[in-house]
N, C-alpha and C. Protein backbone atom coordinates (compact mmCIF):
# COMPACT_ATOMS: atom_id res chain seq x y z
N MET A 1 -53.21 -83.30 6.26
CA MET A 1 -54.25 -82.54 5.60
C MET A 1 -53.98 -81.05 5.81
N LYS A 2 -54.23 -80.25 4.76
CA LYS A 2 -54.01 -78.81 4.85
C LYS A 2 -55.29 -78.09 4.44
N LEU A 3 -55.59 -77.01 5.18
CA LEU A 3 -56.71 -76.15 4.85
C LEU A 3 -56.16 -74.81 4.39
N TYR A 4 -56.35 -74.51 3.11
CA TYR A 4 -55.96 -73.22 2.55
C TYR A 4 -57.17 -72.32 2.70
N TRP A 5 -56.99 -71.22 3.45
CA TRP A 5 -58.12 -70.36 3.76
C TRP A 5 -57.65 -68.94 4.05
N LYS A 6 -58.63 -68.04 4.19
CA LYS A 6 -58.37 -66.66 4.59
C LYS A 6 -59.21 -66.37 5.82
N LYS A 7 -58.60 -65.78 6.83
CA LYS A 7 -59.30 -65.46 8.08
C LYS A 7 -60.44 -64.47 7.85
N THR A 8 -60.32 -63.63 6.82
CA THR A 8 -61.34 -62.61 6.55
C THR A 8 -62.52 -63.15 5.75
N CYS A 9 -62.46 -64.40 5.33
CA CYS A 9 -63.51 -65.03 4.52
C CYS A 9 -64.46 -65.81 5.44
N SER A 10 -65.73 -65.39 5.48
CA SER A 10 -66.69 -66.04 6.39
C SER A 10 -66.91 -67.51 6.01
N THR A 11 -66.93 -67.83 4.73
CA THR A 11 -67.10 -69.22 4.31
C THR A 11 -65.91 -70.06 4.77
N CYS A 12 -64.72 -69.49 4.68
CA CYS A 12 -63.52 -70.20 5.14
C CYS A 12 -63.58 -70.44 6.65
N ARG A 13 -64.01 -69.42 7.39
CA ARG A 13 -64.11 -69.58 8.85
C ARG A 13 -65.13 -70.66 9.19
N ASP A 14 -66.25 -70.68 8.46
CA ASP A 14 -67.27 -71.72 8.69
C ASP A 14 -66.71 -73.11 8.40
N ALA A 15 -65.96 -73.23 7.31
CA ALA A 15 -65.36 -74.52 6.94
C ALA A 15 -64.37 -74.97 8.01
N ARG A 16 -63.58 -74.03 8.51
CA ARG A 16 -62.60 -74.36 9.54
C ARG A 16 -63.30 -74.83 10.82
N LYS A 17 -64.34 -74.11 11.22
CA LYS A 17 -65.12 -74.50 12.42
C LYS A 17 -65.72 -75.89 12.23
N TYR A 18 -66.20 -76.16 11.04
CA TYR A 18 -66.79 -77.47 10.73
C TYR A 18 -65.75 -78.58 10.91
N LEU A 19 -64.55 -78.36 10.37
CA LEU A 19 -63.49 -79.35 10.48
C LEU A 19 -63.07 -79.56 11.93
N VAL A 20 -62.99 -78.47 12.68
CA VAL A 20 -62.63 -78.57 14.10
C VAL A 20 -63.71 -79.38 14.84
N ALA A 21 -64.98 -79.10 14.53
CA ALA A 21 -66.09 -79.83 15.16
C ALA A 21 -66.05 -81.32 14.84
N LEU A 22 -65.55 -81.65 13.64
CA LEU A 22 -65.41 -83.06 13.25
C LEU A 22 -64.23 -83.73 13.95
N GLY A 23 -63.39 -82.92 14.56
CA GLY A 23 -62.19 -83.45 15.20
C GLY A 23 -61.07 -83.74 14.21
N ALA A 24 -61.15 -83.12 13.05
CA ALA A 24 -60.15 -83.33 12.00
C ALA A 24 -58.81 -82.68 12.37
N LYS A 25 -57.74 -83.35 12.03
CA LYS A 25 -56.40 -82.80 12.23
C LYS A 25 -55.93 -82.22 10.90
N PHE A 26 -55.60 -80.92 10.92
CA PHE A 26 -55.17 -80.27 9.69
C PHE A 26 -54.24 -79.11 10.01
N GLU A 27 -53.50 -78.70 8.99
CA GLU A 27 -52.59 -77.57 9.10
C GLU A 27 -53.24 -76.38 8.39
N ASP A 28 -53.19 -75.22 9.03
CA ASP A 28 -53.72 -74.00 8.42
C ASP A 28 -52.70 -73.40 7.46
N VAL A 29 -53.14 -73.02 6.26
CA VAL A 29 -52.29 -72.31 5.32
C VAL A 29 -53.05 -71.04 4.94
N ASP A 30 -52.50 -69.89 5.31
CA ASP A 30 -53.15 -68.61 5.06
C ASP A 30 -52.95 -68.19 3.61
N LEU A 31 -54.05 -67.96 2.91
CA LEU A 31 -53.96 -67.54 1.51
C LEU A 31 -53.77 -66.03 1.36
N ALA A 32 -53.95 -65.27 2.46
CA ALA A 32 -53.89 -63.81 2.38
C ALA A 32 -52.60 -63.27 1.75
N PRO A 33 -51.43 -63.78 2.16
CA PRO A 33 -50.22 -63.22 1.54
C PRO A 33 -50.03 -63.71 0.10
N GLY A 34 -50.79 -64.70 -0.30
CA GLY A 34 -50.68 -65.24 -1.65
C GLY A 34 -49.70 -66.39 -1.73
N LEU A 35 -49.90 -67.23 -2.71
CA LEU A 35 -49.00 -68.35 -2.98
C LEU A 35 -48.20 -68.00 -4.22
N SER A 36 -47.01 -68.55 -4.31
CA SER A 36 -46.19 -68.31 -5.51
C SER A 36 -46.78 -69.07 -6.69
N VAL A 37 -46.36 -68.70 -7.87
CA VAL A 37 -46.80 -69.41 -9.08
C VAL A 37 -46.43 -70.88 -8.97
N ALA A 38 -45.23 -71.17 -8.47
CA ALA A 38 -44.78 -72.56 -8.33
C ALA A 38 -45.65 -73.31 -7.32
N GLU A 39 -46.01 -72.66 -6.20
CA GLU A 39 -46.87 -73.31 -5.20
C GLU A 39 -48.26 -73.59 -5.78
N LEU A 40 -48.80 -72.63 -6.51
CA LEU A 40 -50.11 -72.82 -7.14
C LEU A 40 -50.06 -73.93 -8.17
N ASP A 41 -48.99 -73.96 -8.96
CA ASP A 41 -48.82 -74.97 -9.99
C ASP A 41 -48.77 -76.36 -9.37
N ALA A 42 -48.04 -76.49 -8.26
CA ALA A 42 -47.94 -77.79 -7.56
C ALA A 42 -49.28 -78.17 -6.94
N LEU A 43 -49.98 -77.20 -6.37
CA LEU A 43 -51.26 -77.45 -5.73
C LEU A 43 -52.30 -77.92 -6.75
N ILE A 44 -52.38 -77.23 -7.86
CA ILE A 44 -53.38 -77.54 -8.90
C ILE A 44 -52.99 -78.82 -9.66
N GLY A 45 -51.70 -79.00 -9.88
CA GLY A 45 -51.24 -80.19 -10.59
C GLY A 45 -51.85 -80.30 -11.97
N LYS A 46 -52.35 -81.48 -12.31
CA LYS A 46 -52.91 -81.72 -13.64
C LYS A 46 -54.39 -81.39 -13.73
N ARG A 47 -54.96 -80.90 -12.62
CA ARG A 47 -56.38 -80.54 -12.62
C ARG A 47 -56.63 -79.33 -13.51
N ASP A 48 -57.87 -79.09 -13.82
CA ASP A 48 -58.26 -77.92 -14.60
C ASP A 48 -58.11 -76.69 -13.72
N TYR A 49 -57.17 -75.83 -14.06
CA TYR A 49 -56.90 -74.64 -13.26
C TYR A 49 -58.12 -73.73 -13.14
N ARG A 50 -59.03 -73.80 -14.10
CA ARG A 50 -60.21 -72.92 -14.08
C ARG A 50 -61.11 -73.19 -12.88
N GLU A 51 -61.05 -74.43 -12.34
CA GLU A 51 -61.84 -74.76 -11.15
C GLU A 51 -61.35 -73.99 -9.93
N PHE A 52 -60.12 -73.50 -9.96
CA PHE A 52 -59.51 -72.81 -8.83
C PHE A 52 -59.69 -71.30 -8.92
N LEU A 53 -60.30 -70.81 -9.99
CA LEU A 53 -60.56 -69.38 -10.13
C LEU A 53 -61.83 -69.02 -9.38
N ASN A 54 -61.76 -67.99 -8.57
CA ASN A 54 -62.89 -67.54 -7.78
C ASN A 54 -63.82 -66.70 -8.66
N PHE A 55 -64.94 -67.30 -9.06
CA PHE A 55 -65.87 -66.63 -9.97
C PHE A 55 -66.59 -65.45 -9.32
N ARG A 56 -66.47 -65.31 -8.01
CA ARG A 56 -67.09 -64.17 -7.32
C ARG A 56 -66.14 -62.98 -7.25
N ASN A 57 -64.91 -63.15 -7.67
CA ASN A 57 -63.90 -62.10 -7.60
C ASN A 57 -64.13 -61.04 -8.67
N GLU A 58 -63.88 -59.79 -8.30
CA GLU A 58 -64.06 -58.67 -9.20
C GLU A 58 -63.20 -58.79 -10.46
N LEU A 59 -61.94 -59.17 -10.29
CA LEU A 59 -61.03 -59.31 -11.43
C LEU A 59 -61.55 -60.38 -12.40
N TYR A 60 -62.09 -61.46 -11.85
CA TYR A 60 -62.66 -62.55 -12.66
C TYR A 60 -63.77 -61.99 -13.56
N ARG A 61 -64.64 -61.19 -12.95
CA ARG A 61 -65.77 -60.62 -13.70
C ARG A 61 -65.31 -59.55 -14.68
N GLU A 62 -64.41 -58.67 -14.23
CA GLU A 62 -63.91 -57.58 -15.08
C GLU A 62 -63.27 -58.11 -16.36
N ARG A 63 -62.53 -59.19 -16.24
CA ARG A 63 -61.81 -59.77 -17.38
C ARG A 63 -62.63 -60.79 -18.16
N GLY A 64 -63.87 -61.00 -17.73
CA GLY A 64 -64.73 -61.95 -18.45
C GLY A 64 -64.13 -63.35 -18.49
N MET A 65 -63.57 -63.80 -17.38
CA MET A 65 -62.87 -65.08 -17.35
C MET A 65 -63.79 -66.28 -17.53
N LYS A 66 -65.09 -66.10 -17.29
CA LYS A 66 -66.00 -67.22 -17.47
C LYS A 66 -66.07 -67.61 -18.95
N LYS A 67 -66.21 -66.60 -19.80
CA LYS A 67 -66.31 -66.86 -21.25
C LYS A 67 -64.96 -67.05 -21.90
N SER A 68 -63.97 -66.31 -21.41
CA SER A 68 -62.64 -66.46 -22.01
C SER A 68 -61.56 -66.48 -20.92
N PRO A 69 -61.37 -67.66 -20.32
CA PRO A 69 -60.37 -67.78 -19.26
C PRO A 69 -58.96 -67.56 -19.81
N PRO A 70 -58.08 -66.98 -18.99
CA PRO A 70 -56.70 -66.78 -19.45
C PRO A 70 -55.99 -68.13 -19.57
N PRO A 71 -54.91 -68.19 -20.33
CA PRO A 71 -54.13 -69.43 -20.39
C PRO A 71 -53.61 -69.78 -18.99
N ARG A 72 -53.30 -71.03 -18.76
CA ARG A 72 -52.89 -71.52 -17.44
C ARG A 72 -51.79 -70.65 -16.81
N GLY A 73 -50.74 -70.39 -17.54
CA GLY A 73 -49.61 -69.61 -17.00
C GLY A 73 -50.03 -68.24 -16.52
N GLU A 74 -50.84 -67.57 -17.32
CA GLU A 74 -51.32 -66.24 -16.94
C GLU A 74 -52.27 -66.34 -15.73
N ALA A 75 -53.11 -67.35 -15.72
CA ALA A 75 -54.04 -67.55 -14.60
C ALA A 75 -53.27 -67.76 -13.30
N LEU A 76 -52.23 -68.58 -13.34
CA LEU A 76 -51.42 -68.82 -12.15
C LEU A 76 -50.75 -67.53 -11.68
N ARG A 77 -50.25 -66.76 -12.62
CA ARG A 77 -49.62 -65.48 -12.27
C ARG A 77 -50.64 -64.54 -11.62
N LEU A 78 -51.83 -64.45 -12.22
CA LEU A 78 -52.87 -63.58 -11.68
C LEU A 78 -53.31 -64.04 -10.29
N MET A 79 -53.45 -65.36 -10.09
CA MET A 79 -53.84 -65.88 -8.78
C MET A 79 -52.75 -65.62 -7.74
N SER A 80 -51.50 -65.67 -8.16
CA SER A 80 -50.38 -65.41 -7.25
C SER A 80 -50.38 -63.94 -6.84
N GLU A 81 -50.64 -63.06 -7.79
CA GLU A 81 -50.62 -61.62 -7.53
C GLU A 81 -51.90 -61.14 -6.84
N ASN A 82 -53.00 -61.86 -7.03
CA ASN A 82 -54.30 -61.48 -6.49
C ASN A 82 -54.88 -62.67 -5.72
N PRO A 83 -54.47 -62.85 -4.46
CA PRO A 83 -54.91 -64.03 -3.70
C PRO A 83 -56.43 -64.22 -3.65
N ASN A 84 -57.19 -63.13 -3.76
CA ASN A 84 -58.66 -63.26 -3.72
C ASN A 84 -59.21 -63.93 -4.98
N LEU A 85 -58.38 -64.07 -5.99
CA LEU A 85 -58.79 -64.74 -7.22
C LEU A 85 -58.76 -66.26 -7.06
N VAL A 86 -58.16 -66.74 -5.97
CA VAL A 86 -58.11 -68.18 -5.70
C VAL A 86 -59.39 -68.59 -4.99
N ARG A 87 -60.09 -69.56 -5.55
CA ARG A 87 -61.31 -70.07 -4.91
C ARG A 87 -60.94 -70.73 -3.60
N ARG A 88 -61.74 -70.52 -2.59
CA ARG A 88 -61.41 -71.01 -1.26
C ARG A 88 -62.68 -71.36 -0.50
N PRO A 89 -62.55 -72.12 0.57
CA PRO A 89 -61.34 -72.77 1.08
C PRO A 89 -60.96 -73.96 0.21
N LEU A 90 -59.73 -74.41 0.40
CA LEU A 90 -59.23 -75.61 -0.26
C LEU A 90 -58.77 -76.57 0.82
N LEU A 91 -59.29 -77.78 0.80
CA LEU A 91 -58.86 -78.80 1.75
C LEU A 91 -58.08 -79.84 0.95
N VAL A 92 -56.83 -80.03 1.34
CA VAL A 92 -55.93 -80.90 0.58
C VAL A 92 -55.43 -82.05 1.46
N LYS A 93 -55.57 -83.26 0.91
CA LYS A 93 -55.04 -84.45 1.58
C LYS A 93 -54.42 -85.32 0.49
N GLY A 94 -53.10 -85.40 0.51
CA GLY A 94 -52.42 -86.15 -0.55
C GLY A 94 -52.71 -85.51 -1.89
N ARG A 95 -53.27 -86.28 -2.80
CA ARG A 95 -53.61 -85.76 -4.13
C ARG A 95 -55.06 -85.32 -4.24
N SER A 96 -55.82 -85.50 -3.16
CA SER A 96 -57.23 -85.13 -3.17
C SER A 96 -57.42 -83.69 -2.71
N ILE A 97 -58.34 -83.00 -3.36
CA ILE A 97 -58.64 -81.61 -3.01
C ILE A 97 -60.15 -81.41 -3.00
N VAL A 98 -60.63 -80.72 -1.96
CA VAL A 98 -62.01 -80.26 -1.93
C VAL A 98 -61.94 -78.75 -2.17
N ILE A 99 -62.62 -78.30 -3.22
CA ILE A 99 -62.62 -76.88 -3.57
C ILE A 99 -63.93 -76.27 -3.08
N GLY A 100 -63.83 -75.25 -2.24
CA GLY A 100 -65.02 -74.62 -1.67
C GLY A 100 -65.48 -75.37 -0.43
N PHE A 101 -66.53 -74.86 0.20
CA PHE A 101 -67.03 -75.46 1.44
C PHE A 101 -68.09 -76.50 1.09
N ASP A 102 -67.63 -77.73 0.87
CA ASP A 102 -68.50 -78.86 0.55
C ASP A 102 -68.46 -79.77 1.78
N LYS A 103 -69.49 -79.65 2.63
CA LYS A 103 -69.51 -80.37 3.91
C LYS A 103 -69.32 -81.88 3.74
N GLU A 104 -70.05 -82.47 2.82
CA GLU A 104 -69.97 -83.94 2.65
C GLU A 104 -68.57 -84.36 2.22
N ALA A 105 -68.01 -83.66 1.23
CA ALA A 105 -66.68 -84.01 0.74
C ALA A 105 -65.62 -83.79 1.82
N MET A 106 -65.77 -82.73 2.60
CA MET A 106 -64.82 -82.46 3.69
C MET A 106 -64.93 -83.53 4.77
N LYS A 107 -66.15 -83.91 5.09
CA LYS A 107 -66.37 -84.93 6.12
C LYS A 107 -65.74 -86.25 5.69
N GLU A 108 -65.93 -86.60 4.42
CA GLU A 108 -65.38 -87.84 3.87
C GLU A 108 -63.84 -87.80 3.92
N MET A 109 -63.26 -86.65 3.54
CA MET A 109 -61.81 -86.54 3.53
C MET A 109 -61.24 -86.57 4.94
N ALA A 110 -61.96 -85.94 5.87
CA ALA A 110 -61.49 -85.89 7.26
C ALA A 110 -61.66 -87.24 7.95
N GLY A 111 -62.60 -88.06 7.40
CA GLY A 111 -62.98 -89.36 7.89
C GLY A 111 -62.01 -90.01 8.75
C-alpha cells in the first residue's frame, strides 16, 4: 500500500496519523517534488482523471476547470508541473485508490 501525500498538507498529515493509528503498513510517497506525466498516467489508469484534480487549487479555479476541464494529456502535464493540482492524499493498494481523506474507505483498504 502507498500513501501519496504532502508533509505541508494538514489533511494529508491527518490521514497519515489515522493510518498509523490503525496499524496499517504503507509506503510514503511525497507529492511535493511532483510526479512525472508517465507516473500520473499509470496511477490514474483508466479512471476519470478529473477526479484527481484538486478543486481547491488556485490554478483549477483560475482556468475554470470545473466547467471546462482540460483534455487528459494537458491535465496530466499540468498536474506534473503543479503538484498542488493533484488531489490528495491518495491511498493506493493494487488497483484500488482512495482519493482524499475518506476514513471509512481507508480503514477498509487498510483492513
